[in-house]
Amino acid sequence: MAHVISKDGTRIAYERLGSGPAVVLIDGAMCSRAFGPMPKIAALLKEHFTVYLYDRRGRGESGDTQPYSKAREVEDVEALIRAAGGSAFAVGLSSGAALGLEAAASGLRIEKLAVYEPPFMPDDAARHANADHEGKLKALVAAGERGGAVKYFMRDMIDLPAFVVVMMQLMRGMWGKLKAVAHTLPYDAAIMGDWQVPAARLAGVRTQTLAMYGGKTEMRLKRAVEELAKVLPNVRQQVLPGQTHNVSAAVLVPALVQFLKE
């Protein structure tokens, strides 16, 4: 395990795997180097690229300097790109895709960007814009209600069925890992903003972008990618057959390799 120091002094832990052009992997909510889809993705990508697998701030072995801001997370990505030699490809999943888009809009030297199902909510604008998800999550965490914050995220923000949330609570090992990073859920809410595609912010992004969604995913996530494709100047869409938001590394990685190598 290595680390970089972000602009605000936060220590960001990462692993460097494989060889070839650099790729920075940007996780979604509650995931890290030790939990979630990125470890499997990194294991396959390292056969083609030098992979930078990192813990987003507040997770795993990375620091968590306060106060939080979305700009600080962009600076974390920038520090990793510096460590990679000054430019890199980037791959983001879910809210990590939204963070990758913000990084590109901020002018970071991202040679190509691949995003999978950024969870914008174009068809439910008013509810999410007025919900103050970030504030409610902060209040739950401050009250010590880590489990409550996770449940709020799953039920009120991403609309998981109640029985799914109950089943996850019964999986004590997984539920414990989710509660351990519950304090970072307001960070993902901040990244998503009003949960609409930030058209004005992204209109000037020239980075070649691959925007993907799964063939069996929810319609709202498909719509999010379609709306994203309308505003990015240099983008193409791709559907991954048979996939949901919980994408398989074995299906995603070949699409990434083709896009990043072409």
C-alpha atoms as a PDB file:
ATOM      1  CA  MET A   1       0.000   0.000   0.000  1.00  0.00           C
ATOM      2  CA  ALA A   2       1.271   3.455  -0.962  1.00  0.00           C
ATOM      3  CA  HIS A   3      -0.177   6.912  -0.423  1.00  0.00           C
ATOM      4  CA  VAL A   4      -0.352  10.394  -1.905  1.00  0.00           C
ATOM      5  CA  ILE A   5      -0.943  13.660  -0.079  1.00  0.00           C
ATOM      6  CA  SER A   6      -3.867  15.661  -1.397  1.00  0.00           C
ATOM      7  CA  LYS A   7      -3.806  19.458  -1.616  1.00  0.00           C
ATOM      8  CA  ASP A   8      -5.442  19.892   1.807  1.00  0.00           C
ATOM      9  CA  GLY A   9      -2.940  17.517   3.440  1.00  0.00           C
ATOM     10  CA  THR A  10      -5.167  14.432   3.461  1.00  0.00           C
ATOM     11  CA  ARG A  11      -3.349  11.140   3.101  1.00  0.00           C
ATOM     12  CA  ILE A  12      -4.943   9.026   0.342  1.00  0.00           C
ATOM     13  CA  ALA A  13      -4.085   5.319   0.345  1.00  0.00           C
ATOM     14  CA  TYR A  14      -3.774   3.415  -2.918  1.00  0.00           C
ATOM     15  CA  GLU A  15      -2.397   0.305  -4.563  1.00  0.00           C
ATOM     16  CA  ARG A  16      -0.584   0.295  -7.889  1.00  0.00           C
ATOM     17  CA  LEU A  17      -1.161  -2.874  -9.920  1.00  0.00           C
ATOM     18  CA  GLY A  18       0.020  -4.097 -13.318  1.00  0.00           C
ATOM     19  CA  SER A  19       1.834  -2.192 -16.051  1.00  0.00           C
ATOM     20  CA  GLY A  20       1.006  -0.032 -19.040  1.00  0.00           C
ATOM     21  CA  PRO A  21      -0.969   3.229 -19.327  1.00  0.00           C
ATOM     22  CA  ALA A  22      -2.331   4.502 -16.008  1.00  0.00           C
ATOM     23  CA  VAL A  23      -5.985   4.068 -15.022  1.00  0.00           C
ATOM     24  CA  VAL A  24      -7.470   5.568 -11.839  1.00  0.00           C
ATOM     25  CA  LEU A  25     -10.504   3.688 -10.496  1.00  0.00           C
ATOM     26  CA  ILE A  26     -13.117   5.813  -8.685  1.00  0.00           C
ATOM     27  CA  ASP A  27     -15.499   3.951  -6.370  1.00  0.00           C
ATOM     28  CA  GLY A  28     -19.148   4.620  -5.678  1.00  0.00           C
ATOM     29  CA  ALA A  29     -20.799   5.001  -2.273  1.00  0.00           C
ATOM     30  CA  MET A  30     -19.464   2.939   0.647  1.00  0.00           C
ATOM     31  CA  CYS A  31     -16.973   0.975  -1.484  1.00  0.00           C
ATOM     32  CA  SER A  32     -13.183   0.821  -1.085  1.00  0.00           C
ATOM     33  CA  ARG A  33     -10.065  -1.139  -1.993  1.00  0.00           C
ATOM     34  CA  ALA A  34     -11.302  -3.926   0.281  1.00  0.00           C
ATOM     35  CA  PHE A  35     -15.048  -3.879  -0.379  1.00  0.00           C
ATOM     36  CA  GLY A  36     -17.110  -3.571  -3.529  1.00  0.00           C
ATOM     37  CA  PRO A  37     -16.597  -4.171  -7.245  1.00  0.00           C
ATOM     38  CA  MET A  38     -13.293  -2.392  -7.846  1.00  0.00           C
ATOM     39  CA  PRO A  39     -10.907  -5.097  -6.535  1.00  0.00           C
ATOM     40  CA  LYS A  40     -12.232  -7.582  -9.118  1.00  0.00           C
ATOM     41  CA  ILE A  41     -12.160  -4.939 -11.842  1.00  0.00           C
ATOM     42  CA  ALA A  42      -8.582  -4.015 -10.932  1.00  0.00           C
ATOM     43  CA  ALA A  43      -7.496  -7.667 -11.012  1.00  0.00           C
ATOM     44  CA  LEU A  44      -8.620  -7.956 -14.636  1.00  0.00           C
ATOM     45  CA  LEU A  45      -7.536  -4.502 -15.790  1.00  0.00           C
ATOM     46  CA  LYS A  46      -3.983  -4.907 -14.479  1.00  0.00           C
ATOM     47  CA  GLU A  47      -3.282  -7.311 -17.338  1.00  0.00           C
ATOM     48  CA  HIS A  48      -3.503  -4.305 -19.681  1.00  0.00           C
ATOM     49  CA  PHE A  49      -2.871  -1.170 -17.618  1.00  0.00           C
ATOM     50  CA  THR A  50      -1.213   0.249 -14.531  1.00  0.00           C
ATOM     51  CA  VAL A  51      -4.177   0.421 -12.200  1.00  0.00           C
ATOM     52  CA  TYR A  52      -4.469   2.916  -9.331  1.00  0.00           C
ATOM     53  CA  LEU A  53      -6.939   1.436  -6.849  1.00  0.00           C
ATOM     54  CA  TYR A  54      -7.531   3.853  -3.978  1.00  0.00           C
ATOM     55  CA  ASP A  55      -9.606   4.452  -0.868  1.00  0.00           C
ATOM     56  CA  ARG A  56     -11.725   7.558  -1.235  1.00  0.00           C
ATOM     57  CA  ARG A  57     -11.305   9.952   1.693  1.00  0.00           C
ATOM     58  CA  GLY A  58     -12.875   8.736   4.905  1.00  0.00           C
ATOM     59  CA  ARG A  59     -12.683   5.084   3.836  1.00  0.00           C
ATOM     60  CA  GLY A  60     -10.207   2.293   4.413  1.00  0.00           C
ATOM     61  CA  GLU A  61      -6.740   3.643   5.124  1.00  0.00           C
ATOM     62  CA  SER A  62      -7.281   7.135   3.718  1.00  0.00           C
ATOM     63  CA  GLY A  63      -7.600  10.234   5.865  1.00  0.00           C
ATOM     64  CA  ASP A  64     -10.686  12.398   6.280  1.00  0.00           C
ATOM     65  CA  THR A  65      -9.747  16.053   6.742  1.00  0.00           C
ATOM     66  CA  GLN A  66     -12.711  18.258   7.623  1.00  0.00           C
ATOM     67  CA  PRO A  67     -14.666  20.128   6.463  1.00  0.00           C
ATOM     68  CA  TYR A  68     -15.554  17.983   3.480  1.00  0.00           C
ATOM     69  CA  SER A  69     -16.129  19.423   0.022  1.00  0.00           C
ATOM     70  CA  LYS A  70     -16.541  17.928  -3.426  1.00  0.00           C
ATOM     71  CA  ALA A  71     -13.580  19.991  -4.614  1.00  0.00           C
ATOM     72  CA  ARG A  72     -11.334  18.209  -2.101  1.00  0.00           C
ATOM     73  CA  GLU A  73     -12.320  14.845  -3.568  1.00  0.00           C
ATOM     74  CA  VAL A  74     -11.395  16.147  -7.017  1.00  0.00           C
ATOM     75  CA  GLU A  75      -8.019  17.140  -5.585  1.00  0.00           C
ATOM     76  CA  ASP A  76      -7.582  13.572  -4.338  1.00  0.00           C
ATOM     77  CA  VAL A  77      -8.016  12.312  -7.906  1.00  0.00           C
ATOM     78  CA  GLU A  78      -5.593  14.986  -9.086  1.00  0.00           C
ATOM     79  CA  ALA A  79      -2.969  13.788  -6.584  1.00  0.00           C
ATOM     80  CA  LEU A  80      -3.310  10.242  -7.888  1.00  0.00           C
ATOM     81  CA  ILE A  81      -2.957  11.449 -11.480  1.00  0.00           C
ATOM     82  CA  ARG A  82       0.245  13.256 -10.490  1.00  0.00           C
ATOM     83  CA  ALA A  83       1.526  10.021  -8.965  1.00  0.00           C
ATOM     84  CA  ALA A  84       0.696   8.276 -12.237  1.00  0.00           C
ATOM     85  CA  GLY A  85       2.912  10.674 -14.174  1.00  0.00           C
ATOM     86  CA  GLY A  86       0.680  13.672 -14.801  1.00  0.00           C
ATOM     87  CA  SER A  87      -2.111  12.181 -16.899  1.00  0.00           C
ATOM     88  CA  ALA A  88      -4.253   9.050 -16.745  1.00  0.00           C
ATOM     89  CA  PHE A  89      -7.412   7.347 -17.838  1.00  0.00           C
ATOM     90  CA  ALA A  90     -10.214   7.235 -15.272  1.00  0.00           C
ATOM     91  CA  VAL A  91     -13.076   4.830 -14.612  1.00  0.00           C
ATOM     92  CA  GLY A  92     -15.946   5.689 -12.271  1.00  0.00           C
ATOM     93  CA  LEU A  93     -18.879   3.621 -11.040  1.00  0.00           C
ATOM     94  CA  SER A  94     -22.156   5.026  -9.700  1.00  0.00           C
ATOM     95  CA  SER A  95     -21.488   8.184  -7.623  1.00  0.00           C
ATOM     96  CA  GLY A  96     -17.810   7.634  -8.464  1.00  0.00           C
ATOM     97  CA  ALA A  97     -18.828   8.189 -12.081  1.00  0.00           C
ATOM     98  CA  ALA A  98     -20.296  11.551 -11.091  1.00  0.00           C
ATOM     99  CA  LEU A  99     -17.035  12.357  -9.285  1.00  0.00           C
ATOM    100  CA  GLY A 100     -15.071  11.393 -12.396  1.00  0.00           C
ATOM    101  CA  LEU A 101     -17.230  13.715 -14.490  1.00  0.00           C
ATOM    102  CA  GLU A 102     -16.631  16.551 -12.020  1.00  0.00           C
ATOM    103  CA  ALA A 103     -12.887  15.850 -12.165  1.00  0.00           C
ATOM    104  CA  ALA A 104     -12.952  16.116 -15.949  1.00  0.00           C
ATOM    105  CA  ALA A 105     -14.994  19.333 -15.738  1.00  0.00           C
ATOM    106  CA  SER A 106     -12.393  20.704 -13.305  1.00  0.00           C
ATOM    107  CA  GLY A 107      -9.703  20.361 -15.961  1.00  0.00           C
ATOM    108  CA  LEU A 108      -7.784  17.373 -14.615  1.00  0.00           C
ATOM    109  CA  ARG A 109      -5.618  15.624 -17.194  1.00  0.00           C
ATOM    110  CA  ILE A 110      -7.903  12.688 -17.791  1.00  0.00           C
ATOM    111  CA  GLU A 111      -7.068  11.295 -21.224  1.00  0.00           C
ATOM    112  CA  LYS A 112     -10.249   9.185 -21.441  1.00  0.00           C
ATOM    113  CA  LEU A 113     -13.094   8.715 -18.997  1.00  0.00           C
ATOM    114  CA  ALA A 114     -15.382   5.701 -18.673  1.00  0.00           C
ATOM    115  CA  VAL A 115     -18.462   5.970 -16.459  1.00  0.00           C
ATOM    116  CA  TYR A 116     -20.987   3.315 -15.490  1.00  0.00           C
ATOM    117  CA  GLU A 117     -24.462   4.348 -14.364  1.00  0.00           C
ATOM    118  CA  PRO A 118     -23.953   7.669 -12.604  1.00  0.00           C
ATOM    119  CA  PRO A 119     -27.135   7.798 -10.468  1.00  0.00           C
ATOM    120  CA  PHE A 120     -28.609  11.070 -11.669  1.00  0.00           C
ATOM    121  CA  MET A 121     -32.394  11.230 -11.294  1.00  0.00           C
ATOM    122  CA  PRO A 122     -33.741  13.188 -14.297  1.00  0.00           C
ATOM    123  CA  ASP A 123     -37.266  11.777 -13.935  1.00  0.00           C
ATOM    124  CA  ASP A 124     -37.637  12.546 -10.229  1.00  0.00           C
ATOM    125  CA  ALA A 125     -36.124  16.013 -10.108  1.00  0.00           C
ATOM    126  CA  ALA A 126     -38.309  17.803  -7.579  1.00  0.00           C
ATOM    127  CA  ARG A 127     -38.221  15.104  -4.894  1.00  0.00           C
ATOM    128  CA  HIS A 128     -34.448  14.820  -4.831  1.00  0.00           C
ATOM    129  CA  ALA A 129     -33.727  18.520  -5.308  1.00  0.00           C
ATOM    130  CA  ASN A 130     -35.834  19.438  -2.256  1.00  0.00           C
ATOM    131  CA  ALA A 131     -35.052  16.463  -0.009  1.00  0.00           C
ATOM    132  CA  ASP A 132     -31.813  17.755   1.595  1.00  0.00           C
ATOM    133  CA  HIS A 133     -30.338  14.264   1.549  1.00  0.00           C
ATOM    134  CA  GLU A 134     -26.946  15.577   2.600  1.00  0.00           C
ATOM    135  CA  GLY A 135     -28.327  17.359   5.653  1.00  0.00           C
ATOM    136  CA  LYS A 136     -30.401  14.394   6.782  1.00  0.00           C
ATOM    137  CA  LEU A 137     -27.475  12.014   6.451  1.00  0.00           C
ATOM    138  CA  LYS A 138     -25.232  14.366   8.438  1.00  0.00           C
ATOM    139  CA  ALA A 139     -27.831  14.550  11.202  1.00  0.00           C
ATOM    140  CA  LEU A 140     -28.133  10.757  11.416  1.00  0.00           C
ATOM    141  CA  VAL A 141     -24.361  10.292  11.545  1.00  0.00           C
ATOM    142  CA  ALA A 142     -23.970  13.042  14.153  1.00  0.00           C
ATOM    143  CA  ALA A 143     -26.589  11.289  16.304  1.00  0.00           C
ATOM    144  CA  GLY A 144     -24.654   8.039  16.118  1.00  0.00           C
ATOM    145  CA  GLU A 145     -27.316   6.452  13.904  1.00  0.00           C
ATOM    146  CA  ARG A 146     -24.949   4.860  11.414  1.00  0.00           C
ATOM    147  CA  GLY A 147     -27.368   2.067  10.579  1.00  0.00           C
ATOM    148  CA  GLY A 148     -30.101   4.647  10.151  1.00  0.00           C
ATOM    149  CA  ALA A 149     -27.929   6.591   7.714  1.00  0.00           C
ATOM    150  CA  VAL A 150     -27.310   3.471   5.639  1.00  0.00           C
ATOM    151  CA  LYS A 151     -31.035   2.667   5.627  1.00  0.00           C
ATOM    152  CA  TYR A 152     -31.901   6.250   4.660  1.00  0.00           C
ATOM    153  CA  PHE A 153     -29.432   6.073   1.782  1.00  0.00           C
ATOM    154  CA  MET A 154     -30.822   2.776   0.550  1.00  0.00           C
ATOM    155  CA  ARG A 155     -34.540   3.467   0.978  1.00  0.00           C
ATOM    156  CA  ASP A 156     -34.998   7.217   0.571  1.00  0.00           C
ATOM    157  CA  MET A 157     -32.187   8.032  -1.829  1.00  0.00           C
ATOM    158  CA  ILE A 158     -31.783   5.052  -4.121  1.00  0.00           C
ATOM    159  CA  ASP A 159     -35.203   3.443  -3.537  1.00  0.00           C
ATOM    160  CA  LEU A 160     -34.122  -0.101  -2.755  1.00  0.00           C
ATOM    161  CA  PRO A 161     -37.084  -2.325  -1.808  1.00  0.00           C
ATOM    162  CA  ALA A 162     -37.589  -2.639   1.940  1.00  0.00           C
ATOM    163  CA  PHE A 163     -37.059  -6.407   1.904  1.00  0.00           C
ATOM    164  CA  VAL A 164     -33.632  -5.954   0.300  1.00  0.00           C
ATOM    165  CA  VAL A 165     -32.575  -3.602   3.097  1.00  0.00           C
ATOM    166  CA  VAL A 166     -33.829  -6.105   5.703  1.00  0.00           C
ATOM    167  CA  MET A 167     -31.890  -8.919   4.030  1.00  0.00           C
ATOM    168  CA  MET A 168     -28.716  -6.828   4.041  1.00  0.00           C
ATOM    169  CA  GLN A 169     -29.116  -6.135   7.755  1.00  0.00           C
ATOM    170  CA  LEU A 170     -29.244  -9.871   8.363  1.00  0.00           C
ATOM    171  CA  MET A 171     -25.872 -10.225   6.631  1.00  0.00           C
ATOM    172  CA  ARG A 172     -24.002  -8.966   9.677  1.00  0.00           C
ATOM    173  CA  GLY A 173     -20.543  -8.911   8.111  1.00  0.00           C
ATOM    174  CA  MET A 174     -21.676  -6.803   5.160  1.00  0.00           C
ATOM    175  CA  TRP A 175     -23.911  -4.576   7.288  1.00  0.00           C
ATOM    176  CA  GLY A 176     -21.010  -3.887   9.629  1.00  0.00           C
ATOM    177  CA  LYS A 177     -18.832  -2.788   6.713  1.00  0.00           C
ATOM    178  CA  LEU A 178     -21.559  -0.483   5.436  1.00  0.00           C
ATOM    179  CA  LYS A 179     -22.066   1.129   8.842  1.00  0.00           C
ATOM    180  CA  ALA A 180     -18.298   1.622   9.199  1.00  0.00           C
ATOM    181  CA  VAL A 181     -18.307   4.067   6.267  1.00  0.00           C
ATOM    182  CA  ALA A 182     -21.753   5.598   6.877  1.00  0.00           C
ATOM    183  CA  HIS A 183     -20.075   8.916   7.729  1.00  0.00           C
ATOM    184  CA  THR A 184     -19.037   9.208   4.049  1.00  0.00           C
ATOM    185  CA  LEU A 185     -22.588   8.992   2.693  1.00  0.00           C
ATOM    186  CA  PRO A 186     -23.066  12.783   2.967  1.00  0.00           C
ATOM    187  CA  TYR A 187     -19.995  13.077   0.734  1.00  0.00           C
ATOM    188  CA  ASP A 188     -21.703  11.118  -2.035  1.00  0.00           C
ATOM    189  CA  ALA A 189     -24.855  13.198  -1.563  1.00  0.00           C
ATOM    190  CA  ALA A 190     -22.724  16.337  -1.985  1.00  0.00           C
ATOM    191  CA  ILE A 191     -21.220  14.952  -5.178  1.00  0.00           C
ATOM    192  CA  MET A 192     -24.665  14.260  -6.619  1.00  0.00           C
ATOM    193  CA  GLY A 193     -25.902  17.762  -5.753  1.00  0.00           C
ATOM    194  CA  ASP A 194     -29.530  18.121  -6.871  1.00  0.00           C
ATOM    195  CA  TRP A 195     -29.302  14.691  -8.560  1.00  0.00           C
ATOM    196  CA  GLN A 196     -29.754  16.195 -12.022  1.00  0.00           C
ATOM    197  CA  VAL A 197     -27.240  15.921 -14.863  1.00  0.00           C
ATOM    198  CA  PRO A 198     -25.155  19.118 -14.460  1.00  0.00           C
ATOM    199  CA  ALA A 199     -25.559  20.148 -18.084  1.00  0.00           C
ATOM    200  CA  ALA A 200     -23.924  23.570 -17.846  1.00  0.00           C
ATOM    201  CA  ARG A 201     -20.979  22.177 -15.873  1.00  0.00           C
ATOM    202  CA  LEU A 202     -20.340  19.345 -18.329  1.00  0.00           C
ATOM    203  CA  ALA A 203     -20.973  21.181 -21.590  1.00  0.00           C
ATOM    204  CA  GLY A 204     -17.317  22.181 -21.883  1.00  0.00           C
ATOM    205  CA  VAL A 205     -15.822  18.758 -21.114  1.00  0.00           C
ATOM    206  CA  ARG A 206     -13.809  17.637 -24.144  1.00  0.00           C
ATOM    207  CA  THR A 207     -12.516  14.407 -22.609  1.00  0.00           C
ATOM    208  CA  GLN A 208     -13.443  11.386 -24.700  1.00  0.00           C
ATOM    209  CA  THR A 209     -16.053   9.634 -22.573  1.00  0.00           C
ATOM    210  CA  LEU A 210     -17.714   6.227 -22.625  1.00  0.00           C
ATOM    211  CA  ALA A 211     -21.056   6.271 -20.799  1.00  0.00           C
ATOM    212  CA  MET A 212     -22.437   2.803 -20.014  1.00  0.00           C
ATOM    213  CA  TYR A 213     -25.494   1.234 -18.478  1.00  0.00           C
ATOM    214  CA  GLY A 214     -26.674  -2.344 -18.049  1.00  0.00           C
ATOM    215  CA  GLY A 215     -29.237  -4.012 -20.273  1.00  0.00           C
ATOM    216  CA  LYS A 216     -31.222  -5.134 -17.207  1.00  0.00           C
ATOM    217  CA  THR A 217     -30.752  -2.017 -15.116  1.00  0.00           C
ATOM    218  CA  GLU A 218     -33.477   0.287 -13.821  1.00  0.00           C
ATOM    219  CA  MET A 219     -35.025   2.643 -16.361  1.00  0.00           C
ATOM    220  CA  ARG A 220     -34.005   5.692 -14.317  1.00  0.00           C
ATOM    221  CA  LEU A 221     -30.323   4.749 -14.606  1.00  0.00           C
ATOM    222  CA  LYS A 222     -30.661   4.195 -18.333  1.00  0.00           C
ATOM    223  CA  ARG A 223     -32.321   7.621 -18.577  1.00  0.00           C
ATOM    224  CA  ALA A 224     -29.477   9.169 -16.609  1.00  0.00           C
ATOM    225  CA  VAL A 225     -26.940   7.954 -19.178  1.00  0.00           C
ATOM    226  CA  GLU A 226     -29.136   9.086 -22.049  1.00  0.00           C
ATOM    227  CA  GLU A 227     -29.421  12.571 -20.538  1.00  0.00           C
ATOM    228  CA  LEU A 228     -25.677  12.636 -19.896  1.00  0.00           C
ATOM    229  CA  ALA A 229     -25.015  11.786 -23.547  1.00  0.00           C
ATOM    230  CA  LYS A 230     -27.056  14.812 -24.612  1.00  0.00           C
ATOM    231  CA  VAL A 231     -24.734  17.277 -22.865  1.00  0.00           C
ATOM    232  CA  LEU A 232     -21.216  15.826 -23.155  1.00  0.00           C
ATOM    233  CA  PRO A 233     -19.551  16.996 -26.377  1.00  0.00           C
ATOM    234  CA  ASN A 234     -17.351  13.915 -26.890  1.00  0.00           C
ATOM    235  CA  VAL A 235     -19.298  10.901 -25.656  1.00  0.00           C
ATOM    236  CA  ARG A 236     -20.656   7.587 -26.818  1.00  0.00           C
ATOM    237  CA  GLN A 237     -23.078   5.243 -25.113  1.00  0.00           C
ATOM    238  CA  GLN A 238     -22.745   1.517 -24.638  1.00  0.00           C
ATOM    239  CA  VAL A 239     -25.155  -1.019 -23.212  1.00  0.00           C
ATOM    240  CA  LEU A 240     -23.707  -3.997 -21.351  1.00  0.00           C
ATOM    241  CA  PRO A 241     -26.113  -6.885 -21.987  1.00  0.00           C
ATOM    242  CA  GLY A 242     -27.548  -8.647 -18.970  1.00  0.00           C
ATOM    243  CA  GLN A 243     -26.103  -6.211 -16.446  1.00  0.00           C
ATOM    244  CA  THR A 244     -27.677  -4.291 -13.569  1.00  0.00           C
ATOM    245  CA  HIS A 245     -26.190  -1.573 -11.365  1.00  0.00           C
ATOM    246  CA  ASN A 246     -24.176  -4.350  -9.715  1.00  0.00           C
ATOM    247  CA  VAL A 247     -22.057  -4.822 -12.836  1.00  0.00           C
ATOM    248  CA  SER A 248     -19.916  -7.903 -13.400  1.00  0.00           C
ATOM    249  CA  ALA A 249     -16.190  -7.241 -13.750  1.00  0.00           C
ATOM    250  CA  ALA A 250     -16.013  -9.978 -16.404  1.00  0.00           C
ATOM    251  CA  VAL A 251     -18.474  -8.013 -18.562  1.00  0.00           C
ATOM    252  CA  LEU A 252     -17.316  -4.482 -17.783  1.00  0.00           C
ATOM    253  CA  VAL A 253     -13.564  -4.925 -18.206  1.00  0.00           C
ATOM    254  CA  PRO A 254     -13.573  -6.025 -21.889  1.00  0.00           C
ATOM    255  CA  ALA A 255     -15.594  -2.893 -22.726  1.00  0.00           C
ATOM    256  CA  LEU A 256     -13.105  -0.757 -20.784  1.00  0.00           C
ATOM    257  CA  VAL A 257     -10.098  -2.354 -22.461  1.00  0.00           C
ATOM    258  CA  GLN A 258     -11.533  -1.819 -25.933  1.00  0.00           C
ATOM    259  CA  PHE A 259     -12.395   1.829 -25.245  1.00  0.00           C
ATOM    260  CA  LEU A 260      -9.161   2.763 -23.498  1.00  0.00           C
ATOM    261  CA  LYS A 261      -6.893   1.025 -26.004  1.00  0.00           C
ATOM    262  CA  GLU A 262      -8.521   2.167 -29.227  1.00  0.00           C
END
